[in-house]
Amino acid sequence: MVDLTGAQWRKSTRSGDNGGNCVEVATNLPGLVAVRDSKNRAGGVLTFSTTTWSVFTRALR
């Protein structure tokens, strides 16, 4: 299990003003990127290696 205690969450720059339906990302964890749904912060969190996240976001561009 990944310790997300120190995660510094920020709203994704691609999330618009759509009533709180946003994605939050934490990129301050060593070697890890965490992603969660802002409307359900206590819910599940997806985690990716920084390399995998970089490949994913590059492909989206």
Protein backbone atom coordinates (compact mmCIF):
# COMPACT_ATOMS: atom_id res chain seq x y z
CA MET A 1 0.00 0.00 0.00
CA VAL A 2 1.29 3.46 -0.92
CA ASP A 3 1.52 6.10 1.82
CA LEU A 4 -0.21 9.24 0.51
CA THR A 5 0.01 11.17 3.80
CA GLY A 6 2.30 13.84 2.31
CA ALA A 7 0.44 14.14 -1.00
CA GLN A 8 -0.12 17.74 -2.08
CA TRP A 9 -3.25 17.61 -4.23
CA ARG A 10 -3.99 20.14 -6.95
CA LYS A 11 -6.81 20.44 -9.42
CA SER A 12 -5.85 19.33 -12.90
CA THR A 13 -5.25 22.22 -15.28
CA ARG A 14 -7.55 20.42 -17.74
CA SER A 15 -10.51 20.32 -15.34
CA GLY A 16 -13.00 23.05 -16.13
CA ASP A 17 -15.62 24.78 -14.03
CA ASN A 18 -18.17 21.99 -14.18
CA GLY A 19 -19.74 21.89 -10.74
CA GLY A 20 -16.91 20.18 -8.89
CA ASN A 21 -16.38 17.27 -11.28
CA CYS A 22 -12.61 17.50 -11.31
CA VAL A 23 -9.52 15.38 -11.25
CA GLU A 24 -6.90 16.10 -8.60
CA VAL A 25 -3.27 15.14 -9.05
CA ALA A 26 -0.41 14.83 -6.56
CA THR A 27 3.01 15.00 -8.19
CA ASN A 28 5.16 15.68 -5.13
CA LEU A 29 5.65 12.02 -4.16
CA PRO A 30 9.05 10.49 -5.05
CA GLY A 31 8.71 8.39 -8.22
CA LEU A 32 4.92 8.42 -8.06
CA VAL A 33 1.91 10.35 -9.36
CA ALA A 34 -1.45 9.95 -7.62
CA VAL A 35 -4.83 10.79 -9.16
CA ARG A 36 -8.24 11.05 -7.47
CA ASP A 37 -11.77 12.32 -8.04
CA SER A 38 -12.31 15.65 -6.29
CA LYS A 39 -15.93 14.85 -5.43
CA ASN A 40 -14.91 11.68 -3.60
CA ARG A 41 -11.62 12.47 -1.90
CA ALA A 42 -11.99 9.58 0.52
CA GLY A 43 -12.52 7.18 -2.38
CA GLY A 44 -9.98 5.31 -4.42
CA VAL A 45 -6.73 6.74 -5.71
CA LEU A 46 -4.94 5.67 -8.86
CA THR A 47 -1.15 5.70 -8.69
CA PHE A 48 1.32 5.68 -11.56
CA SER A 49 5.08 5.73 -11.84
CA THR A 50 6.35 9.11 -12.98
CA THR A 51 7.55 7.52 -16.22
CA THR A 52 4.14 5.99 -16.97
CA TRP A 53 2.38 9.27 -16.13
CA SER A 54 4.73 11.20 -18.42
CA VAL A 55 4.09 8.80 -21.33
CA PHE A 56 0.32 9.01 -20.71
CA THR A 57 0.16 12.80 -20.59
CA ARG A 58 2.45 13.14 -23.60
CA ALA A 59 0.15 10.84 -25.58
CA LEU A 60 -2.86 12.99 -24.68
CA ARG A 61 -1.24 16.10 -26.09
